[in-house]
PDB file of N, CA and C in Angstrom:
ATOM      1  N   MET A   1     145.655  77.362 140.041  1.00  0.00           N
ATOM      2  CA  MET A   1     146.677  76.596 139.393  1.00  0.00           C
ATOM      3  C   MET A   1     147.739  76.200 140.407  1.00  0.00           C
ATOM      4  N   GLY A   2     147.367  75.513 141.428  1.00  0.00           N
ATOM      5  CA  GLY A   2     148.323  75.071 142.408  1.00  0.00           C
ATOM      6  C   GLY A   2     148.427  73.567 142.478  1.00  0.00           C
ATOM      7  N   ALA A   3     147.776  72.883 141.544  1.00  0.00           N
ATOM      8  CA  ALA A   3     147.773  71.428 141.584  1.00  0.00           C
ATOM      9  C   ALA A   3     149.179  70.863 141.409  1.00  0.00           C
ATOM     10  N   HIS A   4     150.007  71.531 140.584  1.00  0.00           N
ATOM     11  CA  HIS A   4     151.369  71.030 140.388  1.00  0.00           C
ATOM     12  C   HIS A   4     152.176  71.135 141.671  1.00  0.00           C
ATOM     13  N   LEU A   5     151.874  72.131 142.508  1.00  0.00           N
ATOM     14  CA  LEU A   5     152.597  72.255 143.778  1.00  0.00           C
ATOM     15  C   LEU A   5     152.198  71.138 144.731  1.00  0.00           C
ATOM     16  N   ALA A   6     150.909  70.829 144.783  1.00  0.00           N
ATOM     17  CA  ALA A   6     150.452  69.745 145.657  1.00  0.00           C
ATOM     18  C   ALA A   6     151.044  68.415 145.208  1.00  0.00           C
ATOM     19  N   ARG A   7     151.037  68.157 143.897  1.00  0.00           N
ATOM     20  CA  ARG A   7     151.621  66.911 143.403  1.00  0.00           C
ATOM     21  C   ARG A   7     153.116  66.880 143.650  1.00  0.00           C
ATOM     22  N   ARG A   8     153.753  68.041 143.569  1.00  0.00           N
ATOM     23  CA  ARG A   8     155.208  68.100 143.753  1.00  0.00           C
ATOM     24  C   ARG A   8     155.608  67.787 145.189  1.00  0.00           C
ATOM     25  N   TYR A   9     154.857  68.303 146.167  1.00  0.00           N
ATOM     26  CA  TYR A   9     155.233  68.128 147.560  1.00  0.00           C
ATOM     27  C   TYR A   9     154.605  66.899 148.207  1.00  0.00           C
ATOM     28  N   LEU A  10     153.412  66.513 147.762  1.00  0.00           N
ATOM     29  CA  LEU A  10     152.735  65.381 148.371  1.00  0.00           C
ATOM     30  C   LEU A  10     152.892  64.095 147.579  1.00  0.00           C
ATOM     31  N   GLY A  11     153.150  64.233 146.304  1.00  0.00           N
ATOM     32  CA  GLY A  11     153.235  63.053 145.455  1.00  0.00           C
ATOM     33  C   GLY A  11     154.667  62.730 145.102  1.00  0.00           C
ATOM     34  N   ASP A  12     154.857  62.322 143.880  1.00  0.00           N
ATOM     35  CA  ASP A  12     156.167  61.928 143.384  1.00  0.00           C
ATOM     36  C   ASP A  12     156.837  63.142 142.743  1.00  0.00           C
ATOM     37  N   ALA A  13     157.739  63.766 143.459  1.00  0.00           N
ATOM     38  CA  ALA A  13     158.392  64.979 142.962  1.00  0.00           C
ATOM     39  C   ALA A  13     159.346  64.683 141.809  1.00  0.00           C
ATOM     40  N   GLU A  14     159.755  63.424 141.682  1.00  0.00           N
ATOM     41  CA  GLU A  14     160.687  63.061 140.616  1.00  0.00           C
ATOM     42  C   GLU A  14     160.044  63.192 139.235  1.00  0.00           C
ATOM     43  N   THR A  15     158.737  62.949 139.144  1.00  0.00           N
ATOM     44  CA  THR A  15     158.063  63.009 137.849  1.00  0.00           C
ATOM     45  C   THR A  15     157.254  64.288 137.681  1.00  0.00           C
ATOM     46  N   GLU A  16     157.444  65.244 138.544  1.00  0.00           N
ATOM     47  CA  GLU A  16     156.717  66.508 138.449  1.00  0.00           C
ATOM     48  C   GLU A  16     157.691  67.598 138.006  1.00  0.00           C
ATOM     49  N   PRO A  17     157.502  68.185 136.823  1.00  0.00           N
ATOM     50  CA  PRO A  17     158.447  69.202 136.341  1.00  0.00           C
ATOM     51  C   PRO A  17     158.323  70.497 137.139  1.00  0.00           C
ATOM     52  N   ASP A  18     159.406  71.224 137.203  1.00  0.00           N
ATOM     53  CA  ASP A  18     159.411  72.517 137.865  1.00  0.00           C
ATOM     54  C   ASP A  18     158.862  73.551 136.883  1.00  0.00           C
ATOM     55  N   PRO A  19     157.786  74.245 137.220  1.00  0.00           N
ATOM     56  CA  PRO A  19     157.200  75.191 136.262  1.00  0.00           C
ATOM     57  C   PRO A  19     158.076  76.403 135.995  1.00  0.00           C
ATOM     58  N   LEU A  20     159.082  76.648 136.814  1.00  0.00           N
ATOM     59  CA  LEU A  20     159.943  77.811 136.615  1.00  0.00           C
ATOM     60  C   LEU A  20     161.172  77.495 135.762  1.00  0.00           C
ATOM     61  N   GLN A  21     161.380  76.229 135.429  1.00  0.00           N
ATOM     62  CA  GLN A  21     162.534  75.823 134.631  1.00  0.00           C
ATOM     63  C   GLN A  21     162.114  75.556 133.185  1.00  0.00           C
ATOM     64  N   LEU A  22     163.086  75.594 132.294  1.00  0.00           N
ATOM     65  CA  LEU A  22     162.830  75.263 130.893  1.00  0.00           C
ATOM     66  C   LEU A  22     162.643  73.754 130.757  1.00  0.00           C
ATOM     67  N   PRO A  23     161.968  73.313 129.710  1.00  0.00           N
ATOM     68  CA  PRO A  23     161.799  71.870 129.505  1.00  0.00           C
ATOM     69  C   PRO A  23     163.143  71.161 129.361  1.00  0.00           C
ATOM     70  N   THR A  24     163.212  69.937 129.874  1.00  0.00           N
ATOM     71  CA  THR A  24     164.464  69.189 129.838  1.00  0.00           C
ATOM     72  C   THR A  24     164.555  68.252 128.645  1.00  0.00           C
ATOM     73  N   PHE A  25     163.449  67.963 128.002  1.00  0.00           N
ATOM     74  CA  PHE A  25     163.440  67.069 126.854  1.00  0.00           C
ATOM     75  C   PHE A  25     163.472  67.880 125.561  1.00  0.00           C
ATOM     76  N   PRO A  26     164.003  67.308 124.480  1.00  0.00           N
ATOM     77  CA  PRO A  26     164.022  68.037 123.212  1.00  0.00           C
ATOM     78  C   PRO A  26     162.605  68.316 122.715  1.00  0.00           C
ATOM     79  N   ALA A  27     162.438  69.434 122.023  1.00  0.00           N
ATOM     80  CA  ALA A  27     161.112  69.850 121.567  1.00  0.00           C
ATOM     81  C   ALA A  27     160.539  68.894 120.525  1.00  0.00           C
ATOM     82  N   GLU A  28     161.395  68.178 119.793  1.00  0.00           N
ATOM     83  CA  GLU A  28     160.914  67.281 118.732  1.00  0.00           C
ATOM     84  C   GLU A  28     160.371  65.968 119.283  1.00  0.00           C
ATOM     85  N   LEU A  29     160.675  65.649 120.545  1.00  0.00           N
ATOM     86  CA  LEU A  29     160.243  64.386 121.124  1.00  0.00           C
ATOM     87  C   LEU A  29     158.735  64.414 121.353  1.00  0.00           C
ATOM     88  N   GLY A  30     158.022  63.613 120.601  1.00  0.00           N
ATOM     89  CA  GLY A  30     156.570  63.562 120.717  1.00  0.00           C
ATOM     90  C   GLY A  30     155.854  64.430 119.708  1.00  0.00           C
ATOM     91  N   LEU A  31     156.469  65.509 119.279  1.00  0.00           N
ATOM     92  CA  LEU A  31     155.879  66.401 118.281  1.00  0.00           C
ATOM     93  C   LEU A  31     156.924  66.672 117.195  1.00  0.00           C
ATOM     94  N   PRO A  32     157.012  65.792 116.188  1.00  0.00           N
ATOM     95  CA  PRO A  32     158.139  65.860 115.255  1.00  0.00           C
ATOM     96  C   PRO A  32     158.168  67.095 114.349  1.00  0.00           C
ATOM     97  N   HIS A  33     157.028  67.677 114.006  1.00  0.00           N
ATOM     98  CA  HIS A  33     157.011  68.768 113.022  1.00  0.00           C
ATOM     99  C   HIS A  33     156.617  70.099 113.652  1.00  0.00           C
ATOM    100  N   ARG A  34     156.955  70.298 114.899  1.00  0.00           N
ATOM    101  CA  ARG A  34     156.574  71.533 115.578  1.00  0.00           C
ATOM    102  C   ARG A  34     157.581  72.631 115.268  1.00  0.00           C
ATOM    103  N   ALA A  35     157.058  73.798 114.892  1.00  0.00           N
ATOM    104  CA  ALA A  35     157.918  74.939 114.586  1.00  0.00           C
ATOM    105  C   ALA A  35     158.235  75.692 115.878  1.00  0.00           C
ATOM    106  N   PRO A  36     159.437  76.188 116.017  1.00  0.00           N
ATOM    107  CA  PRO A  36     159.767  76.954 117.227  1.00  0.00           C
ATOM    108  C   PRO A  36     159.032  78.292 117.237  1.00  0.00           C
ATOM    109  N   ARG A  37     158.705  78.744 118.421  1.00  0.00           N
ATOM    110  CA  ARG A  37     158.000  80.018 118.554  1.00  0.00           C
ATOM    111  C   ARG A  37     159.009  81.158 118.434  1.00  0.00           C
ATOM    112  N   VAL A  38     158.564  82.238 117.807  1.00  0.00           N
ATOM    113  CA  VAL A  38     159.438  83.406 117.629  1.00  0.00           C
ATOM    114  C   VAL A  38     158.694  84.657 118.088  1.00  0.00           C
ATOM    115  N   MET A  39     159.464  85.609 118.554  1.00  0.00           N
ATOM    116  CA  MET A  39     158.906  86.905 118.930  1.00  0.00           C
ATOM    117  C   MET A  39     158.678  87.716 117.654  1.00  0.00           C
ATOM    118  N   VAL A  40     157.498  88.303 117.526  1.00  0.00           N
ATOM    119  CA  VAL A  40     157.191  89.122 116.364  1.00  0.00           C
ATOM    120  C   VAL A  40     157.718  90.538 116.575  1.00  0.00           C
ATOM    121  N   ALA A  41     157.523  91.076 117.766  1.00  0.00           N
ATOM    122  CA  ALA A  41     157.992  92.419 118.080  1.00  0.00           C
ATOM    123  C   ALA A  41     159.449  92.375 118.538  1.00  0.00           C
ATOM    124  N   THR A  42     160.207  93.368 118.137  1.00  0.00           N
ATOM    125  CA  THR A  42     161.610  93.439 118.538  1.00  0.00           C
ATOM    126  C   THR A  42     161.728  94.125 119.901  1.00  0.00           C
ATOM    127  N   ALA A  43     162.905  94.008 120.493  1.00  0.00           N
ATOM    128  CA  ALA A  43     163.144  94.632 121.797  1.00  0.00           C
ATOM    129  C   ALA A  43     163.070  96.154 121.689  1.00  0.00           C
ATOM    130  N   GLN A  44     163.516  96.715 120.563  1.00  0.00           N
ATOM    131  CA  GLN A  44     163.448  98.155 120.386  1.00  0.00           C
ATOM    132  C   GLN A  44     162.000  98.631 120.297  1.00  0.00           C
ATOM    133  N   GLN A  45     161.155  97.879 119.596  1.00  0.00           N
ATOM    134  CA  GLN A  45     159.743  98.246 119.501  1.00  0.00           C
ATOM    135  C   GLN A  45     159.072  98.187 120.868  1.00  0.00           C
ATOM    136  N   LEU A  46     159.390  97.165 121.644  1.00  0.00           N
ATOM    137  CA  LEU A  46     158.790  97.030 122.965  1.00  0.00           C
ATOM    138  C   LEU A  46     159.255  98.142 123.899  1.00  0.00           C
ATOM    139  N   ALA A  47     160.532  98.492 123.827  1.00  0.00           N
ATOM    140  CA  ALA A  47     161.035  99.584 124.656  1.00  0.00           C
ATOM    141  C   ALA A  47     160.440 100.915 124.216  1.00  0.00           C
ATOM    142  N   GLY A  48     160.315 101.120 122.906  1.00  0.00           N
ATOM    143  CA  GLY A  48     159.713 102.354 122.396  1.00  0.00           C
ATOM    144  C   GLY A  48     158.241 102.474 122.732  1.00  0.00           C
ATOM    145  N   GLY A  49     157.562 101.342 122.804  1.00  0.00           N
ATOM    146  CA  GLY A  49     156.144 101.341 123.144  1.00  0.00           C
ATOM    147  C   GLY A  49     155.890 101.331 124.634  1.00  0.00           C
ATOM    148  N   ARG A  50     156.958 101.335 125.429  1.00  0.00           N
ATOM    149  CA  ARG A  50     156.873 101.336 126.891  1.00  0.00           C
ATOM    150  C   ARG A  50     156.053 100.163 127.424  1.00  0.00           C
ATOM    151  N   VAL A  51     156.290  98.999 126.850  1.00  0.00           N
ATOM    152  CA  VAL A  51     155.617  97.784 127.307  1.00  0.00           C
ATOM    153  C   VAL A  51     156.334  97.308 128.576  1.00  0.00           C
ATOM    154  N   PRO A  52     155.589  97.070 129.661  1.00  0.00           N
ATOM    155  CA  PRO A  52     156.237  96.600 130.893  1.00  0.00           C
ATOM    156  C   PRO A  52     156.949  95.262 130.680  1.00  0.00           C
ATOM    157  N   LEU A  53     158.003  95.037 131.444  1.00  0.00           N
ATOM    158  CA  LEU A  53     158.803  93.818 131.279  1.00  0.00           C
ATOM    159  C   LEU A  53     157.982  92.551 131.477  1.00  0.00           C
ATOM    160  N   GLU A  54     157.044  92.560 132.421  1.00  0.00           N
ATOM    161  CA  GLU A  54     156.266  91.350 132.688  1.00  0.00           C
ATOM    162  C   GLU A  54     155.275  91.029 131.568  1.00  0.00           C
ATOM    163  N   GLN A  55     155.076  91.963 130.634  1.00  0.00           N
ATOM    164  CA  GLN A  55     154.160  91.703 129.527  1.00  0.00           C
ATOM    165  C   GLN A  55     154.884  91.512 128.200  1.00  0.00           C
ATOM    166  N   ARG A  56     156.175  91.381 128.230  1.00  0.00           N
ATOM    167  CA  ARG A  56     156.945  91.163 126.998  1.00  0.00           C
ATOM    168  C   ARG A  56     157.030  89.675 126.723  1.00  0.00           C
ATOM    169  N   ASP A  57     155.967  89.142 126.155  1.00  0.00           N
ATOM    170  CA  ASP A  57     155.893  87.716 125.846  1.00  0.00           C
ATOM    171  C   ASP A  57     155.628  87.549 124.359  1.00  0.00           C
ATOM    172  N   PHE A  58     155.164  86.383 123.963  1.00  0.00           N
ATOM    173  CA  PHE A  58     154.925  86.113 122.546  1.00  0.00           C
ATOM    174  C   PHE A  58     153.710  86.855 122.004  1.00  0.00           C
ATOM    175  N   CYS A  59     152.938  87.508 122.852  1.00  0.00           N
ATOM    176  CA  CYS A  59     151.768  88.276 122.425  1.00  0.00           C
ATOM    177  C   CYS A  59     152.013  89.779 122.493  1.00  0.00           C
ATOM    178  N   ALA A  60     153.246  90.188 122.663  1.00  0.00           N
ATOM    179  CA  ALA A  60     153.549  91.602 122.854  1.00  0.00           C
ATOM    180  C   ALA A  60     153.228  92.434 121.620  1.00  0.00           C
ATOM    181  N   HIS A  61     153.299  91.840 120.437  1.00  0.00           N
ATOM    182  CA  HIS A  61     152.965  92.610 119.233  1.00  0.00           C
ATOM    183  C   HIS A  61     151.499  93.012 119.232  1.00  0.00           C
ATOM    184  N   HIS A  62     150.625  92.167 119.770  1.00  0.00           N
ATOM    185  CA  HIS A  62     149.212  92.541 119.907  1.00  0.00           C
ATOM    186  C   HIS A  62     149.062  93.647 120.945  1.00  0.00           C
ATOM    187  N   LEU A  63     149.802  93.542 122.019  1.00  0.00           N
ATOM    188  CA  LEU A  63     149.731  94.555 123.072  1.00  0.00           C
ATOM    189  C   LEU A  63     150.225  95.906 122.572  1.00  0.00           C
ATOM    190  N   LEU A  64     151.254  95.921 121.738  1.00  0.00           N
ATOM    191  CA  LEU A  64     151.735  97.183 121.164  1.00  0.00           C
ATOM    192  C   LEU A  64     150.638  97.881 120.374  1.00  0.00           C
ATOM    193  N   ARG A  65     149.954  97.123 119.531  1.00  0.00           N
ATOM    194  CA  ARG A  65     148.864  97.716 118.745  1.00  0.00           C
ATOM    195  C   ARG A  65     147.730  98.196 119.642  1.00  0.00           C
ATOM    196  N   LEU A  66     147.425  97.419 120.689  1.00  0.00           N
ATOM    197  CA  LEU A  66     146.359  97.809 121.613  1.00  0.00           C
ATOM    198  C   LEU A  66     146.725  99.086 122.365  1.00  0.00           C
ATOM    199  N   LEU A  67     147.935  99.182 122.862  1.00  0.00           N
ATOM    200  CA  LEU A  67     148.350 100.382 123.594  1.00  0.00           C
ATOM    201  C   LEU A  67     148.354 101.610 122.681  1.00  0.00           C
ATOM    202  N   ARG A  68     148.784 101.434 121.438  1.00  0.00           N
ATOM    203  CA  ARG A  68     148.766 102.544 120.492  1.00  0.00           C
ATOM    204  C   ARG A  68     147.332 102.988 120.216  1.00  0.00           C
ATOM    205  N   CYS A  69     146.427 102.032 120.045  1.00  0.00           N
ATOM    206  CA  CYS A  69     145.023 102.365 119.804  1.00  0.00           C
ATOM    207  C   CYS A  69     144.414 103.061 121.015  1.00  0.00           C
ATOM    208  N   GLN A  70     144.719 102.574 122.203  1.00  0.00           N
ATOM    209  CA  GLN A  70     144.175 103.205 123.405  1.00  0.00           C
ATOM    210  C   GLN A  70     144.693 104.624 123.557  1.00  0.00           C
ATOM    211  N   ARG A  71     145.928 104.855 123.163  1.00  0.00           N
ATOM    212  CA  ARG A  71     146.483 106.206 123.238  1.00  0.00           C
ATOM    213  C   ARG A  71     145.824 107.124 122.205  1.00  0.00           C
ATOM    214  N   ASP A  72     145.622 106.621 120.989  1.00  0.00           N
ATOM    215  CA  ASP A  72     145.073 107.453 119.925  1.00  0.00           C
ATOM    216  C   ASP A  72     143.576 107.716 120.092  1.00  0.00           C
ATOM    217  N   ALA A  73     142.838 106.750 120.608  1.00  0.00           N
ATOM    218  CA  ALA A  73     141.389 106.891 120.779  1.00  0.00           C
ATOM    219  C   ALA A  73     141.054 107.049 122.254  1.00  0.00           C
ATOM    220  N   PHE A  74     141.756 107.947 122.940  1.00  0.00           N
ATOM    221  CA  PHE A  74     141.716 107.981 124.397  1.00  0.00           C
ATOM    222  C   PHE A  74     140.335 108.018 125.040  1.00  0.00           C
ATOM    223  N   PRO A  75     139.473 108.953 124.782  1.00  0.00           N
ATOM    224  CA  PRO A  75     138.255 108.944 125.589  1.00  0.00           C
ATOM    225  C   PRO A  75     137.271 107.845 125.185  1.00  0.00           C
ATOM    226  N   LEU A  76     137.559 107.128 124.121  1.00  0.00           N
ATOM    227  CA  LEU A  76     136.633 106.109 123.616  1.00  0.00           C
ATOM    228  C   LEU A  76     137.283 104.722 123.684  1.00  0.00           C
ATOM    229  N   PRO A  77     137.232 104.056 124.841  1.00  0.00           N
ATOM    230  CA  PRO A  77     137.935 102.772 124.964  1.00  0.00           C
ATOM    231  C   PRO A  77     137.334 101.659 124.112  1.00  0.00           C
ATOM    232  N   TRP A  78     136.076 101.780 123.720  1.00  0.00           N
ATOM    233  CA  TRP A  78     135.448 100.714 122.939  1.00  0.00           C
ATOM    234  C   TRP A  78     135.931 100.700 121.500  1.00  0.00           C
ATOM    235  N   GLU A  79     136.671 101.716 121.082  1.00  0.00           N
ATOM    236  CA  GLU A  79     137.224 101.737 119.733  1.00  0.00           C
ATOM    237  C   GLU A  79     138.265 100.623 119.538  1.00  0.00           C
ATOM    238  N   CYS A  80     138.846 100.155 120.618  1.00  0.00           N
ATOM    239  CA  CYS A  80     139.945  99.185 120.533  1.00  0.00           C
ATOM    240  C   CYS A  80     139.514  97.781 120.945  1.00  0.00           C
ATOM    241  N   ARG A  81     138.226  97.507 120.926  1.00  0.00           N
ATOM    242  CA  ARG A  81     137.780  96.204 121.435  1.00  0.00           C
ATOM    243  C   ARG A  81     138.243  95.046 120.558  1.00  0.00           C
ATOM    244  N   GLY A  82     138.386  95.255 119.268  1.00  0.00           N
ATOM    245  CA  GLY A  82     138.894  94.189 118.395  1.00  0.00           C
ATOM    246  C   GLY A  82     140.340  93.844 118.708  1.00  0.00           C
ATOM    247  N   LEU A  83     141.143  94.884 118.951  1.00  0.00           N
ATOM    248  CA  LEU A  83     142.541  94.651 119.306  1.00  0.00           C
ATOM    249  C   LEU A  83     142.657  94.022 120.685  1.00  0.00           C
ATOM    250  N   ARG A  84     141.772  94.434 121.605  1.00  0.00           N
ATOM    251  CA  ARG A  84     141.787  93.831 122.940  1.00  0.00           C
ATOM    252  C   ARG A  84     141.433  92.343 122.852  1.00  0.00           C
ATOM    253  N   HIS A  85     140.453  92.026 122.009  1.00  0.00           N
ATOM    254  CA  HIS A  85     140.064  90.636 121.834  1.00  0.00           C
ATOM    255  C   HIS A  85     141.215  89.825 121.237  1.00  0.00           C
ATOM    256  N   ALA A  86     141.924  90.392 120.265  1.00  0.00           N
ATOM    257  CA  ALA A  86     143.056  89.686 119.652  1.00  0.00           C
ATOM    258  C   ALA A  86     144.147  89.434 120.681  1.00  0.00           C
ATOM    259  N   TRP A  87     144.432  90.416 121.530  1.00  0.00           N
ATOM    260  CA  TRP A  87     145.460  90.247 122.557  1.00  0.00           C
ATOM    261  C   TRP A  87     145.035  89.204 123.584  1.00  0.00           C
ATOM    262  N   ASP A  88     143.769  89.272 124.036  1.00  0.00           N
ATOM    263  CA  ASP A  88     143.269  88.279 124.995  1.00  0.00           C
ATOM    264  C   ASP A  88     143.300  86.868 124.411  1.00  0.00           C
ATOM    265  N   ALA A  89     142.922  86.731 123.140  1.00  0.00           N
ATOM    266  CA  ALA A  89     142.934  85.413 122.494  1.00  0.00           C
ATOM    267  C   ALA A  89     144.362  84.885 122.393  1.00  0.00           C
ATOM    268  N   CYS A  90     145.301  85.765 122.069  1.00  0.00           N
ATOM    269  CA  CYS A  90     146.709  85.345 121.993  1.00  0.00           C
ATOM    270  C   CYS A  90     147.212  84.928 123.369  1.00  0.00           C
ATOM    271  N   GLN A  91     146.857  85.663 124.411  1.00  0.00           N
ATOM    272  CA  GLN A  91     147.256  85.301 125.769  1.00  0.00           C
ATOM    273  C   GLN A  91     146.683  83.942 126.161  1.00  0.00           C
ATOM    274  N   HIS A  92     145.429  83.688 125.777  1.00  0.00           N
ATOM    275  CA  HIS A  92     144.813  82.401 126.093  1.00  0.00           C
ATOM    276  C   HIS A  92     145.526  81.262 125.368  1.00  0.00           C
ATOM    277  N   ARG A  93     145.808  81.454 124.066  1.00  0.00           N
ATOM    278  CA  ARG A  93     146.522  80.417 123.310  1.00  0.00           C
ATOM    279  C   ARG A  93     147.910  80.165 123.910  1.00  0.00           C
ATOM    280  N   ASP A  94     148.572  81.219 124.359  1.00  0.00           N
ATOM    281  CA  ASP A  94     149.883  81.071 124.986  1.00  0.00           C
ATOM    282  C   ASP A  94     149.774  80.291 126.290  1.00  0.00           C
ATOM    283  N   TYR A  95     148.751  80.583 127.083  1.00  0.00           N
ATOM    284  CA  TYR A  95     148.529  79.865 128.344  1.00  0.00           C
ATOM    285  C   TYR A  95     148.273  78.378 128.082  1.00  0.00           C
ATOM    286  N   VAL A  96     147.428  78.093 127.103  1.00  0.00           N
ATOM    287  CA  VAL A  96     147.119  76.693 126.775  1.00  0.00           C
ATOM    288  C   VAL A  96     148.376  75.981 126.290  1.00  0.00           C
ATOM    289  N   MET A  97     149.198  76.660 125.489  1.00  0.00           N
ATOM    290  CA  MET A  97     150.422  76.029 124.996  1.00  0.00           C
ATOM    291  C   MET A  97     151.388  75.752 126.147  1.00  0.00           C
ATOM    292  N   ARG A  98     151.499  76.673 127.103  1.00  0.00           N
ATOM    293  CA  ARG A  98     152.377  76.447 128.249  1.00  0.00           C
ATOM    294  C   ARG A  98     151.875  75.291 129.108  1.00  0.00           C
ATOM    295  N   MET A  99     150.562  75.163 129.261  1.00  0.00           N
ATOM    296  CA  MET A  99     150.014  74.052 130.038  1.00  0.00           C
ATOM    297  C   MET A  99     150.239  72.723 129.318  1.00  0.00           C
ATOM    298  N   LYS A 100     150.124  72.731 128.002  1.00  0.00           N
ATOM    299  CA  LYS A 100     150.408  71.518 127.232  1.00  0.00           C
ATOM    300  C   LYS A 100     151.879  71.141 127.336  1.00  0.00           C
ATOM    301  N   GLU A 101     152.756  72.136 127.315  1.00  0.00           N
ATOM    302  CA  GLU A 101     154.189  71.865 127.480  1.00  0.00           C
ATOM    303  C   GLU A 101     154.475  71.268 128.860  1.00  0.00           C
ATOM    304  N   PHE A 102     153.825  71.808 129.886  1.00  0.00           N
ATOM    305  CA  PHE A 102     154.008  71.298 131.238  1.00  0.00           C
ATOM    306  C   PHE A 102     153.541  69.849 131.312  1.00  0.00           C
ATOM    307  N   GLU A 103     152.377  69.571 130.756  1.00  0.00           N
ATOM    308  CA  GLU A 103     151.840  68.207 130.785  1.00  0.00           C
ATOM    309  C   GLU A 103     152.710  67.259 129.967  1.00  0.00           C
ATOM    310  N   ARG A 104     153.221  67.707 128.831  1.00  0.00           N
ATOM    311  CA  ARG A 104     154.130  66.885 128.015  1.00  0.00           C
ATOM    312  C   ARG A 104     155.390  66.550 128.803  1.00  0.00           C
ATOM    313  N   GLU A 105     155.948  67.539 129.483  1.00  0.00           N
ATOM    314  CA  GLU A 105     157.144  67.316 130.289  1.00  0.00           C
ATOM    315  C   GLU A 105     156.854  66.328 131.411  1.00  0.00           C
ATOM    316  N   ARG A 106     155.699  66.458 132.049  1.00  0.00           N
ATOM    317  CA  ARG A 106     155.327  65.551 133.141  1.00  0.00           C
ATOM    318  C   ARG A 106     155.188  64.118 132.637  1.00  0.00           C
ATOM    319  N   ARG A 107     154.539  63.947 131.518  1.00  0.00           N
ATOM    320  CA  ARG A 107     154.362  62.597 130.971  1.00  0.00           C
ATOM    321  C   ARG A 107     155.680  61.991 130.510  1.00  0.00           C
ATOM    322  N   LEU A 108     156.560  62.808 129.947  1.00  0.00           N
ATOM    323  CA  LEU A 108     157.864  62.290 129.533  1.00  0.00           C
ATOM    324  C   LEU A 108     158.718  61.909 130.743  1.00  0.00           C
ATOM    325  N   LEU A 109     158.597  62.659 131.840  1.00  0.00           N
ATOM    326  CA  LEU A 109     159.307  62.283 133.064  1.00  0.00           C
ATOM    327  C   LEU A 109     158.765  60.975 133.635  1.00  0.00           C
ATOM    328  N   GLN A 110     157.444  60.792 133.585  1.00  0.00           N
ATOM    329  CA  GLN A 110     156.855  59.531 134.040  1.00  0.00           C
ATOM    330  C   GLN A 110     157.315  58.377 133.152  1.00  0.00           C
ATOM    331  N   ARG A 111     157.367  58.607 131.856  1.00  0.00           N
ATOM    332  CA  ARG A 111     157.825  57.576 130.921  1.00  0.00           C
ATOM    333  C   ARG A 111     159.278  57.209 131.201  1.00  0.00           C
ATOM    334  N   GLN A 112     160.111  58.230 131.435  1.00  0.00           N
ATOM    335  CA  GLN A 112     161.511  57.988 131.748  1.00  0.00           C
ATOM    336  C   GLN A 112     161.662  57.178 133.039  1.00  0.00           C
ATOM    337  N   LYS A 113     160.838  57.472 134.033  1.00  0.00           N
ATOM    338  CA  LYS A 113     160.898  56.734 135.294  1.00  0.00           C
ATOM    339  C   LYS A 113     160.472  55.283 135.091  1.00  0.00           C
ATOM    340  N   ARG A 114     159.413  55.047 134.298  1.00  0.00           N
ATOM    341  CA  ARG A 114     158.964  53.675 134.013  1.00  0.00           C
ATOM    342  C   ARG A 114     160.042  52.883 133.291  1.00  0.00           C
ATOM    343  N   ILE A 115     160.728  53.526 132.338  1.00  0.00           N
ATOM    344  CA  ILE A 115     161.789  52.839 131.592  1.00  0.00           C
ATOM    345  C   ILE A 115     162.930  52.463 132.529  1.00  0.00           C
ATOM    346  N   ARG A 116     163.312  53.390 133.421  1.00  0.00           N
ATOM    347  CA  ARG A 116     164.376  53.093 134.389  1.00  0.00           C
ATOM    348  C   ARG A 116     163.981  51.948 135.317  1.00  0.00           C
ATOM    349  N   GLN A 117     162.734  51.951 135.774  1.00  0.00           N
ATOM    350  CA  GLN A 117     162.263  50.872 136.661  1.00  0.00           C
ATOM    351  C   GLN A 117     162.273  49.534 135.923  1.00  0.00           C
ATOM    352  N   ARG A 118     161.867  49.542 134.678  1.00  0.00           N
ATOM    353  CA  ARG A 118     161.864  48.311 133.877  1.00  0.00           C
ATOM    354  C   ARG A 118     163.286  47.795 133.684  1.00  0.00           C
ATOM    355  N   GLU A 119     164.224  48.712 133.419  1.00  0.00           N
ATOM    356  CA  GLU A 119     165.610  48.312 133.241  1.00  0.00           C
ATOM    357  C   GLU A 119     166.201  47.783 134.552  1.00  0.00           C
ATOM    358  N   ALA A 120     165.845  48.438 135.656  1.00  0.00           N
ATOM    359  CA  ALA A 120     166.354  47.978 136.961  1.00  0.00           C
ATOM    360  C   ALA A 120     165.772  46.609 137.310  1.00  0.00           C
ATOM    361  N   ALA A 121     164.498  46.383 137.017  1.00  0.00           N
ATOM    362  CA  ALA A 121     163.881  45.083 137.284  1.00  0.00           C
ATOM    363  C   ALA A 121     164.505  44.002 136.405  1.00  0.00           C
ATOM    364  N   ALA A 122     164.804  44.352 135.158  1.00  0.00           N
ATOM    365  CA  ALA A 122     165.440  43.375 134.249  1.00  0.00           C
ATOM    366  C   ALA A 122     166.861  43.069 134.709  1.00  0.00           C
ATOM    367  N   ALA A 123     167.556  44.064 135.221  1.00  0.00           N
ATOM    368  CA  ALA A 123     168.942  43.854 135.683  1.00  0.00           C
ATOM    369  C   ALA A 123     168.975  43.010 136.960  1.00  0.00           C
ATOM    370  N   THR A 124     168.007  43.187 137.845  1.00  0.00           N
ATOM    371  CA  THR A 124     168.000  42.395 139.092  1.00  0.00           C
ATOM    372  C   THR A 124     167.504  40.977 138.845  1.00  0.00           C
ATOM    373  N   SER A 125     166.695  40.761 137.826  1.00  0.00           N
ATOM    374  CA  SER A 125     166.188  39.414 137.561  1.00  0.00           C
ATOM    375  C   SER A 125     167.233  38.555 136.842  1.00  0.00           C
ATOM    376  N   GLU A 126     168.224  39.152 136.264  1.00  0.00           N
ATOM    377  CA  GLU A 126     169.246  38.382 135.539  1.00  0.00           C
ATOM    378  C   GLU A 126     170.286  37.812 136.425  1.00  0.00           C
TER     379      GLU A 126
END
């Protein structure tokens, strides 16, 4: 996943969003009926479950159940395969959503640049 870095440094950096920053456009632009994402697990539950900070994302509630199952069924790791699958599926959906957000931001930046160029061309032709 380094294509965004190559496009950022070799291509047009103005239309390439920074993956470490939050989106700059409103969430409703392009997707009018999208519901905001919410955390299911609370900070107290995550701290009590000893979930590492780097894994406290929108799928942490699945991870809490998986860690509890792994602790309770210790010598038998296959007992928790359904919970592991649910956590992996949630992580995949989260990854796909983040990639879609990145692509949406990139396309909106390109659209904004085209609009500015069109306005500048119209202003110079007048």
